[in-house]
């Protein structure tokens, strides 16, 4: 009987748990029409940060939904879809 209760409780917890599934956000950051290398990109409200590569490219793993990128003090709202999202940033 005790094993049945443990299994039942485990199944209930699995059913109500909200799994956090990351999706990839990627793209290129441009400054004045030119790819911007070595920029710091942070995500508002999260402990997530990356830097653009030598060609301005960036990649972040974020949960699907609305997020805000912070680049050079500017806010860039982005929506990440579950299958991943390409979003170029121009400033």
PDB file of N, CA and C in Angstrom:
ATOM      1  N   UNK A   1       0.821  -1.190   0.000  1.00  0.00           N
ATOM      2  CA  UNK A   1       0.000   0.000   0.000  1.00  0.00           C
ATOM      3  C   UNK A   1       0.870   1.260   0.000  1.00  0.00           C
ATOM      4  N   UNK A   2       1.938   1.271   0.762  1.00  0.00           N
ATOM      5  CA  UNK A   2       2.811   2.449   0.857  1.00  0.00           C
ATOM      6  C   UNK A   2       3.474   2.735  -0.487  1.00  0.00           C
ATOM      7  N   UNK A   3       3.899   1.733  -1.200  1.00  0.00           N
ATOM      8  CA  UNK A   3       4.519   1.926  -2.512  1.00  0.00           C
ATOM      9  C   UNK A   3       3.511   2.552  -3.471  1.00  0.00           C
ATOM     10  N   UNK A   4       2.267   2.104  -3.420  1.00  0.00           N
ATOM     11  CA  UNK A   4       1.221   2.670  -4.258  1.00  0.00           C
ATOM     12  C   UNK A   4       1.051   4.172  -3.976  1.00  0.00           C
ATOM     13  N   UNK A   5       1.079   4.561  -2.706  1.00  0.00           N
ATOM     14  CA  UNK A   5       0.934   5.966  -2.343  1.00  0.00           C
ATOM     15  C   UNK A   5       2.105   6.799  -2.874  1.00  0.00           C
ATOM     16  N   UNK A   6       3.303   6.274  -2.762  1.00  0.00           N
ATOM     17  CA  UNK A   6       4.486   6.981  -3.248  1.00  0.00           C
ATOM     18  C   UNK A   6       4.413   7.159  -4.762  1.00  0.00           C
ATOM     19  N   UNK A   7       4.033   6.105  -5.463  1.00  0.00           N
ATOM     20  CA  UNK A   7       3.909   6.183  -6.919  1.00  0.00           C
ATOM     21  C   UNK A   7       2.822   7.183  -7.302  1.00  0.00           C
ATOM     22  N   UNK A   8       1.693   7.151  -6.619  1.00  0.00           N
ATOM     23  CA  UNK A   8       0.599   8.063  -6.911  1.00  0.00           C
ATOM     24  C   UNK A   8       1.013   9.520  -6.676  1.00  0.00           C
ATOM     25  N   UNK A   9       1.657   9.787  -5.582  1.00  0.00           N
ATOM     26  CA  UNK A   9       2.120  11.147  -5.284  1.00  0.00           C
ATOM     27  C   UNK A   9       3.142  11.601  -6.330  1.00  0.00           C
ATOM     28  N   UNK A  10       4.041  10.713  -6.716  1.00  0.00           N
ATOM     29  CA  UNK A  10       5.040  11.048  -7.737  1.00  0.00           C
ATOM     30  C   UNK A  10       4.376  11.394  -9.061  1.00  0.00           C
ATOM     31  N   UNK A  11       3.376  10.630  -9.462  1.00  0.00           N
ATOM     32  CA  UNK A  11       2.668  10.900 -10.708  1.00  0.00           C
ATOM     33  C   UNK A  11       1.921  12.227 -10.666  1.00  0.00           C
ATOM     34  N   UNK A  12       1.321  12.531  -9.535  1.00  0.00           N
ATOM     35  CA  UNK A  12       0.614  13.809  -9.389  1.00  0.00           C
ATOM     36  C   UNK A  12       1.602  14.965  -9.488  1.00  0.00           C
ATOM     37  N   UNK A  13       2.731  14.861  -8.829  1.00  0.00           N
ATOM     38  CA  UNK A  13       3.734  15.923  -8.879  1.00  0.00           C
ATOM     39  C   UNK A  13       4.282  16.108 -10.289  1.00  0.00           C
ATOM     40  N   UNK A  14       4.497  15.024 -11.002  1.00  0.00           N
ATOM     41  CA  UNK A  14       4.967  15.124 -12.383  1.00  0.00           C
ATOM     42  C   UNK A  14       3.923  15.786 -13.273  1.00  0.00           C
ATOM     43  N   UNK A  15       2.661  15.508 -13.017  1.00  0.00           N
ATOM     44  CA  UNK A  15       1.585  16.066 -13.839  1.00  0.00           C
ATOM     45  C   UNK A  15       1.427  17.565 -13.633  1.00  0.00           C
ATOM     46  N   UNK A  16       1.668  18.062 -12.423  1.00  0.00           N
ATOM     47  CA  UNK A  16       1.461  19.482 -12.164  1.00  0.00           C
ATOM     48  C   UNK A  16       2.737  20.298 -12.282  1.00  0.00           C
ATOM     49  N   UNK A  17       3.865  19.642 -12.367  1.00  0.00           N
ATOM     50  CA  UNK A  17       5.133  20.367 -12.476  1.00  0.00           C
ATOM     51  C   UNK A  17       5.192  21.087 -13.817  1.00  0.00           C
ATOM     52  N   UNK A  18       5.726  22.289 -13.822  1.00  0.00           N
ATOM     53  CA  UNK A  18       5.875  23.078 -15.031  1.00  0.00           C
ATOM     54  C   UNK A  18       7.326  22.987 -15.470  1.00  0.00           C
ATOM     55  N   UNK A  19       7.630  22.071 -16.392  1.00  0.00           N
ATOM     56  CA  UNK A  19       9.025  21.906 -16.780  1.00  0.00           C
ATOM     57  C   UNK A  19       9.519  23.138 -17.536  1.00  0.00           C
ATOM     58  N   UNK A  20      10.741  23.556 -17.233  1.00  0.00           N
ATOM     59  CA  UNK A  20      11.345  24.674 -17.926  1.00  0.00           C
ATOM     60  C   UNK A  20      12.159  24.106 -19.081  1.00  0.00           C
ATOM     61  N   UNK A  21      11.684  24.353 -20.271  1.00  0.00           N
ATOM     62  CA  UNK A  21      12.350  23.855 -21.460  1.00  0.00           C
ATOM     63  C   UNK A  21      12.984  25.049 -22.164  1.00  0.00           C
ATOM     64  N   UNK A  22      14.260  24.970 -22.396  1.00  0.00           N
ATOM     65  CA  UNK A  22      14.959  26.077 -23.034  1.00  0.00           C
ATOM     66  C   UNK A  22      14.826  25.981 -24.547  1.00  0.00           C
ATOM     67  N   UNK A  23      14.760  27.128 -25.181  1.00  0.00           N
ATOM     68  CA  UNK A  23      14.766  27.229 -26.630  1.00  0.00           C
ATOM     69  C   UNK A  23      15.898  28.179 -27.004  1.00  0.00           C
ATOM     70  N   UNK A  24      16.416  28.018 -28.183  1.00  0.00           N
ATOM     71  CA  UNK A  24      17.560  28.826 -28.589  1.00  0.00           C
ATOM     72  C   UNK A  24      17.105  30.130 -29.238  1.00  0.00           C
ATOM     73  N   UNK A  25      17.686  31.218 -28.787  1.00  0.00           N
ATOM     74  CA  UNK A  25      17.537  32.524 -29.415  1.00  0.00           C
ATOM     75  C   UNK A  25      18.895  32.836 -30.018  1.00  0.00           C
ATOM     76  N   UNK A  26      18.900  33.184 -31.300  1.00  0.00           N
ATOM     77  CA  UNK A  26      20.173  33.453 -31.966  1.00  0.00           C
ATOM     78  C   UNK A  26      19.977  34.539 -33.018  1.00  0.00           C
ATOM     79  N   UNK A  27      21.058  35.134 -33.423  1.00  0.00           N
ATOM     80  CA  UNK A  27      20.996  36.162 -34.449  1.00  0.00           C
ATOM     81  C   UNK A  27      22.295  36.929 -34.507  1.00  0.00           C
ATOM     82  N   UNK A  28      22.212  38.111 -35.107  1.00  0.00           N
ATOM     83  CA  UNK A  28      23.372  38.980 -35.252  1.00  0.00           C
ATOM     84  C   UNK A  28      23.013  40.363 -34.736  1.00  0.00           C
ATOM     85  N   UNK A  29      23.930  40.970 -34.025  1.00  0.00           N
ATOM     86  CA  UNK A  29      23.762  42.341 -33.544  1.00  0.00           C
ATOM     87  C   UNK A  29      24.505  43.277 -34.502  1.00  0.00           C
ATOM     88  N   UNK A  30      23.800  44.318 -34.937  1.00  0.00           N
ATOM     89  CA  UNK A  30      24.369  45.295 -35.868  1.00  0.00           C
ATOM     90  C   UNK A  30      24.382  46.671 -35.223  1.00  0.00           C
ATOM     91  N   UNK A  31      25.469  47.388 -35.414  1.00  0.00           N
ATOM     92  CA  UNK A  31      25.564  48.777 -34.958  1.00  0.00           C
ATOM     93  C   UNK A  31      25.891  49.613 -36.184  1.00  0.00           C
ATOM     94  N   UNK A  32      24.981  50.505 -36.557  1.00  0.00           N
ATOM     95  CA  UNK A  32      25.194  51.311 -37.756  1.00  0.00           C
ATOM     96  C   UNK A  32      25.276  50.485 -39.021  1.00  0.00           C
ATOM     97  N   UNK A  33      24.590  49.356 -39.060  1.00  0.00           N
ATOM     98  CA  UNK A  33      24.567  48.486 -40.242  1.00  0.00           C
ATOM     99  C   UNK A  33      25.725  47.516 -40.334  1.00  0.00           C
ATOM    100  N   UNK A  34      26.641  47.570 -39.366  1.00  0.00           N
ATOM    101  CA  UNK A  34      27.828  46.705 -39.367  1.00  0.00           C
ATOM    102  C   UNK A  34      27.723  45.719 -38.203  1.00  0.00           C
ATOM    103  N   UNK A  35      28.047  44.431 -38.430  1.00  0.00           N
ATOM    104  CA  UNK A  35      28.020  43.486 -37.314  1.00  0.00           C
ATOM    105  C   UNK A  35      28.886  43.983 -36.155  1.00  0.00           C
ATOM    106  N   UNK A  36      28.328  43.920 -34.951  1.00  0.00           N
ATOM    107  CA  UNK A  36      28.996  44.448 -33.760  1.00  0.00           C
ATOM    108  C   UNK A  36      29.606  43.302 -32.948  1.00  0.00           C
ATOM    109  N   UNK A  37      30.923  43.240 -32.942  1.00  0.00           N
ATOM    110  CA  UNK A  37      31.640  42.178 -32.239  1.00  0.00           C
ATOM    111  C   UNK A  37      31.839  42.529 -30.768  1.00  0.00           C
ATOM    112  N   UNK A  38      31.902  41.495 -29.944  1.00  0.00           N
ATOM    113  CA  UNK A  38      32.270  41.584 -28.533  1.00  0.00           C
ATOM    114  C   UNK A  38      31.341  42.465 -27.683  1.00  0.00           C
ATOM    115  N   UNK A  39      30.052  42.467 -28.016  1.00  0.00           N
ATOM    116  CA  UNK A  39      29.065  43.185 -27.201  1.00  0.00           C
ATOM    117  C   UNK A  39      28.535  42.274 -26.108  1.00  0.00           C
ATOM    118  N   UNK A  40      28.321  42.833 -24.948  1.00  0.00           N
ATOM    119  CA  UNK A  40      27.698  42.091 -23.855  1.00  0.00           C
ATOM    120  C   UNK A  40      26.185  42.135 -24.030  1.00  0.00           C
ATOM    121  N   UNK A  41      25.546  40.970 -23.938  1.00  0.00           N
ATOM    122  CA  UNK A  41      24.092  40.867 -24.011  1.00  0.00           C
ATOM    123  C   UNK A  41      23.619  40.180 -22.739  1.00  0.00           C
ATOM    124  N   UNK A  42      22.756  40.858 -21.989  1.00  0.00           N
ATOM    125  CA  UNK A  42      22.169  40.255 -20.800  1.00  0.00           C
ATOM    126  C   UNK A  42      20.662  40.137 -21.014  1.00  0.00           C
ATOM    127  N   UNK A  43      20.042  39.298 -20.210  1.00  0.00           N
ATOM    128  CA  UNK A  43      18.600  39.097 -20.290  1.00  0.00           C
ATOM    129  C   UNK A  43      17.990  39.646 -19.010  1.00  0.00           C
ATOM    130  N   UNK A  44      17.079  40.593 -19.164  1.00  0.00           N
ATOM    131  CA  UNK A  44      16.442  41.245 -18.022  1.00  0.00           C
ATOM    132  C   UNK A  44      15.727  40.224 -17.140  1.00  0.00           C
ATOM    133  N   UNK A  45      15.994  40.296 -15.840  1.00  0.00           N
ATOM    134  CA  UNK A  45      15.327  39.423 -14.879  1.00  0.00           C
ATOM    135  C   UNK A  45      15.883  38.019 -14.798  1.00  0.00           C
ATOM    136  N   UNK A  46      16.954  37.755 -15.508  1.00  0.00           N
ATOM    137  CA  UNK A  46      17.565  36.414 -15.492  1.00  0.00           C
ATOM    138  C   UNK A  46      19.063  36.559 -15.285  1.00  0.00           C
ATOM    139  N   UNK A  47      19.652  35.501 -14.819  1.00  0.00           N
ATOM    140  CA  UNK A  47      21.103  35.463 -14.653  1.00  0.00           C
ATOM    141  C   UNK A  47      21.706  34.835 -15.913  1.00  0.00           C
ATOM    142  N   UNK A  48      21.445  35.487 -17.050  1.00  0.00           N
ATOM    143  CA  UNK A  48      21.879  34.962 -18.342  1.00  0.00           C
ATOM    144  C   UNK A  48      22.614  36.062 -19.095  1.00  0.00           C
ATOM    145  N   UNK A  49      23.766  35.708 -19.622  1.00  0.00           N
ATOM    146  CA  UNK A  49      24.584  36.690 -20.336  1.00  0.00           C
ATOM    147  C   UNK A  49      25.394  35.989 -21.411  1.00  0.00           C
ATOM    148  N   UNK A  50      25.678  36.710 -22.487  1.00  0.00           N
ATOM    149  CA  UNK A  50      26.566  36.212 -23.531  1.00  0.00           C
ATOM    150  C   UNK A  50      27.262  37.398 -24.169  1.00  0.00           C
ATOM    151  N   UNK A  51      28.171  37.114 -25.086  1.00  0.00           N
ATOM    152  CA  UNK A  51      28.846  38.162 -25.849  1.00  0.00           C
ATOM    153  C   UNK A  51      28.728  37.804 -27.321  1.00  0.00           C
ATOM    154  N   UNK A  52      28.679  38.838 -28.158  1.00  0.00           N
ATOM    155  CA  UNK A  52      28.656  38.569 -29.585  1.00  0.00           C
ATOM    156  C   UNK A  52      30.048  38.116 -30.032  1.00  0.00           C
ATOM    157  N   UNK A  53      30.061  37.284 -31.065  1.00  0.00           N
ATOM    158  CA  UNK A  53      31.340  36.793 -31.587  1.00  0.00           C
ATOM    159  C   UNK A  53      31.935  37.839 -32.536  1.00  0.00           C
ATOM    160  N   UNK A  54      32.992  37.470 -33.226  1.00  0.00           N
ATOM    161  CA  UNK A  54      33.689  38.392 -34.122  1.00  0.00           C
ATOM    162  C   UNK A  54      32.851  38.883 -35.290  1.00  0.00           C
ATOM    163  N   UNK A  55      31.757  38.183 -35.586  1.00  0.00           N
ATOM    164  CA  UNK A  55      30.865  38.581 -36.679  1.00  0.00           C
ATOM    165  C   UNK A  55      29.539  39.111 -36.162  1.00  0.00           C
ATOM    166  N   UNK A  56      29.472  39.434 -34.857  1.00  0.00           N
ATOM    167  CA  UNK A  56      28.251  39.984 -34.276  1.00  0.00           C
ATOM    168  C   UNK A  56      27.211  38.947 -33.900  1.00  0.00           C
ATOM    169  N   UNK A  57      27.519  37.677 -34.083  1.00  0.00           N
ATOM    170  CA  UNK A  57      26.564  36.610 -33.794  1.00  0.00           C
ATOM    171  C   UNK A  57      26.443  36.324 -32.307  1.00  0.00           C
ATOM    172  N   UNK A  58      25.252  35.904 -31.909  1.00  0.00           N
ATOM    173  CA  UNK A  58      25.029  35.536 -30.507  1.00  0.00           C
ATOM    174  C   UNK A  58      24.074  34.354 -30.434  1.00  0.00           C
ATOM    175  N   UNK A  59      24.117  33.646 -29.313  1.00  0.00           N
ATOM    176  CA  UNK A  59      23.223  32.519 -29.022  1.00  0.00           C
ATOM    177  C   UNK A  59      22.924  32.516 -27.532  1.00  0.00           C
ATOM    178  N   UNK A  60      21.649  32.304 -27.205  1.00  0.00           N
ATOM    179  CA  UNK A  60      21.215  32.202 -25.809  1.00  0.00           C
ATOM    180  C   UNK A  60      20.191  31.085 -25.703  1.00  0.00           C
ATOM    181  N   UNK A  61      20.236  30.337 -24.624  1.00  0.00           N
ATOM    182  CA  UNK A  61      19.191  29.364 -24.317  1.00  0.00           C
ATOM    183  C   UNK A  61      18.252  30.009 -23.310  1.00  0.00           C
ATOM    184  N   UNK A  62      16.999  30.212 -23.727  1.00  0.00           N
ATOM    185  CA  UNK A  62      16.001  30.882 -22.895  1.00  0.00           C
ATOM    186  C   UNK A  62      14.706  30.091 -22.906  1.00  0.00           C
ATOM    187  N   UNK A  63      13.899  30.248 -21.875  1.00  0.00           N
ATOM    188  CA  UNK A  63      12.588  29.606 -21.923  1.00  0.00           C
ATOM    189  C   UNK A  63      11.728  30.300 -22.982  1.00  0.00           C
ATOM    190  N   UNK A  64      10.866  29.554 -23.660  1.00  0.00           N
ATOM    191  CA  UNK A  64       9.974  30.181 -24.637  1.00  0.00           C
ATOM    192  C   UNK A  64       9.117  31.255 -23.979  1.00  0.00           C
ATOM    193  N   UNK A  65       8.801  32.278 -24.747  1.00  0.00           N
ATOM    194  CA  UNK A  65       7.976  33.376 -24.248  1.00  0.00           C
ATOM    195  C   UNK A  65       8.671  34.707 -24.442  1.00  0.00           C
ATOM    196  N   UNK A  66       8.176  35.708 -23.754  1.00  0.00           N
ATOM    197  CA  UNK A  66       8.698  37.069 -23.888  1.00  0.00           C
ATOM    198  C   UNK A  66       9.912  37.278 -22.991  1.00  0.00           C
ATOM    199  N   UNK A  67      10.943  37.869 -23.565  1.00  0.00           N
ATOM    200  CA  UNK A  67      12.171  38.195 -22.853  1.00  0.00           C
ATOM    201  C   UNK A  67      12.621  39.572 -23.301  1.00  0.00           C
ATOM    202  N   UNK A  68      13.508  40.180 -22.542  1.00  0.00           N
ATOM    203  CA  UNK A  68      14.069  41.481 -22.910  1.00  0.00           C
ATOM    204  C   UNK A  68      15.587  41.383 -22.856  1.00  0.00           C
ATOM    205  N   UNK A  69      16.218  41.662 -24.002  1.00  0.00           N
ATOM    206  CA  UNK A  69      17.674  41.699 -24.063  1.00  0.00           C
ATOM    207  C   UNK A  69      18.137  43.108 -23.736  1.00  0.00           C
ATOM    208  N   UNK A  70      19.253  43.209 -23.023  1.00  0.00           N
ATOM    209  CA  UNK A  70      19.847  44.502 -22.712  1.00  0.00           C
ATOM    210  C   UNK A  70      21.211  44.554 -23.397  1.00  0.00           C
ATOM    211  N   UNK A  71      21.338  45.529 -24.325  1.00  0.00           N
ATOM    212  CA  UNK A  71      22.593  45.722 -25.051  1.00  0.00           C
ATOM    213  C   UNK A  71      22.911  47.207 -25.010  1.00  0.00           C
ATOM    214  N   UNK A  72      24.078  47.549 -24.500  1.00  0.00           N
ATOM    215  CA  UNK A  72      24.501  48.954 -24.378  1.00  0.00           C
ATOM    216  C   UNK A  72      23.436  49.804 -23.684  1.00  0.00           C
ATOM    217  N   UNK A  73      22.802  49.239 -22.685  1.00  0.00           N
ATOM    218  CA  UNK A  73      21.798  49.966 -21.918  1.00  0.00           C
ATOM    219  C   UNK A  73      20.454  50.094 -22.598  1.00  0.00           C
ATOM    220  N   UNK A  74      20.316  49.568 -23.794  1.00  0.00           N
ATOM    221  CA  UNK A  74      19.049  49.619 -24.519  1.00  0.00           C
ATOM    222  C   UNK A  74      18.298  48.300 -24.341  1.00  0.00           C
ATOM    223  N   UNK A  75      16.971  48.386 -24.265  1.00  0.00           N
ATOM    224  CA  UNK A  75      16.113  47.207 -24.091  1.00  0.00           C
ATOM    225  C   UNK A  75      15.573  46.774 -25.452  1.00  0.00           C
ATOM    226  N   UNK A  76      15.671  45.476 -25.724  1.00  0.00           N
ATOM    227  CA  UNK A  76      15.163  44.907 -26.961  1.00  0.00           C
ATOM    228  C   UNK A  76      14.235  43.742 -26.622  1.00  0.00           C
ATOM    229  N   UNK A  77      12.910  43.957 -26.694  1.00  0.00           N
ATOM    230  CA  UNK A  77      11.974  42.862 -26.415  1.00  0.00           C
ATOM    231  C   UNK A  77      12.045  41.812 -27.524  1.00  0.00           C
ATOM    232  N   UNK A  78      12.055  40.556 -27.127  1.00  0.00           N
ATOM    233  CA  UNK A  78      12.048  39.443 -28.074  1.00  0.00           C
ATOM    234  C   UNK A  78      11.078  38.376 -27.571  1.00  0.00           C
ATOM    235  N   UNK A  79      10.484  37.670 -28.505  1.00  0.00           N
ATOM    236  CA  UNK A  79       9.627  36.537 -28.166  1.00  0.00           C
ATOM    237  C   UNK A  79      10.296  35.280 -28.691  1.00  0.00           C
ATOM    238  N   UNK A  80      10.574  34.360 -27.788  1.00  0.00           N
ATOM    239  CA  UNK A  80      11.247  33.111 -28.140  1.00  0.00           C
ATOM    240  C   UNK A  80      10.193  32.026 -28.320  1.00  0.00           C
ATOM    241  N   UNK A  81      10.196  31.383 -29.481  1.00  0.00           N
ATOM    242  CA  UNK A  81       9.258  30.290 -29.715  1.00  0.00           C
ATOM    243  C   UNK A  81       9.878  28.975 -29.241  1.00  0.00           C
ATOM    244  N   UNK A  82       9.049  27.976 -28.944  1.00  0.00           N
ATOM    245  CA  UNK A  82       9.573  26.703 -28.428  1.00  0.00           C
ATOM    246  C   UNK A  82      10.588  26.035 -29.356  1.00  0.00           C
ATOM    247  N   UNK A  83      10.469  26.261 -30.652  1.00  0.00           N
ATOM    248  CA  UNK A  83      11.387  25.641 -31.598  1.00  0.00           C
ATOM    249  C   UNK A  83      12.645  26.446 -31.842  1.00  0.00           C
ATOM    250  N   UNK A  84      12.781  27.595 -31.188  1.00  0.00           N
ATOM    251  CA  UNK A  84      13.925  28.471 -31.371  1.00  0.00           C
ATOM    252  C   UNK A  84      13.541  29.669 -32.230  1.00  0.00           C
ATOM    253  N   UNK A  85      14.314  30.731 -32.103  1.00  0.00           N
ATOM    254  CA  UNK A  85      13.986  31.973 -32.793  1.00  0.00           C
ATOM    255  C   UNK A  85      15.254  32.676 -33.262  1.00  0.00           C
ATOM    256  N   UNK A  86      15.226  33.136 -34.519  1.00  0.00           N
ATOM    257  CA  UNK A  86      16.313  33.973 -35.039  1.00  0.00           C
ATOM    258  C   UNK A  86      15.852  35.418 -34.900  1.00  0.00           C
ATOM    259  N   UNK A  87      16.662  36.241 -34.241  1.00  0.00           N
ATOM    260  CA  UNK A  87      16.315  37.651 -34.033  1.00  0.00           C
ATOM    261  C   UNK A  87      17.569  38.489 -34.186  1.00  0.00           C
ATOM    262  N   UNK A  88      17.663  39.227 -35.294  1.00  0.00           N
ATOM    263  CA  UNK A  88      18.769  40.166 -35.455  1.00  0.00           C
ATOM    264  C   UNK A  88      18.408  41.444 -34.696  1.00  0.00           C
ATOM    265  N   UNK A  89      19.428  42.073 -34.131  1.00  0.00           N
ATOM    266  CA  UNK A  89      19.258  43.291 -33.345  1.00  0.00           C
ATOM    267  C   UNK A  89      19.983  44.414 -34.063  1.00  0.00           C
ATOM    268  N   UNK A  90      19.283  45.519 -34.306  1.00  0.00           N
ATOM    269  CA  UNK A  90      19.888  46.679 -34.965  1.00  0.00           C
ATOM    270  C   UNK A  90      19.757  47.904 -34.063  1.00  0.00           C
ATOM    271  N   UNK A  91      20.869  48.591 -33.877  1.00  0.00           N
ATOM    272  CA  UNK A  91      20.828  49.828 -33.093  1.00  0.00           C
ATOM    273  C   UNK A  91      21.859  50.804 -33.598  1.00  0.00           C
TER     274      UNK A  91
END
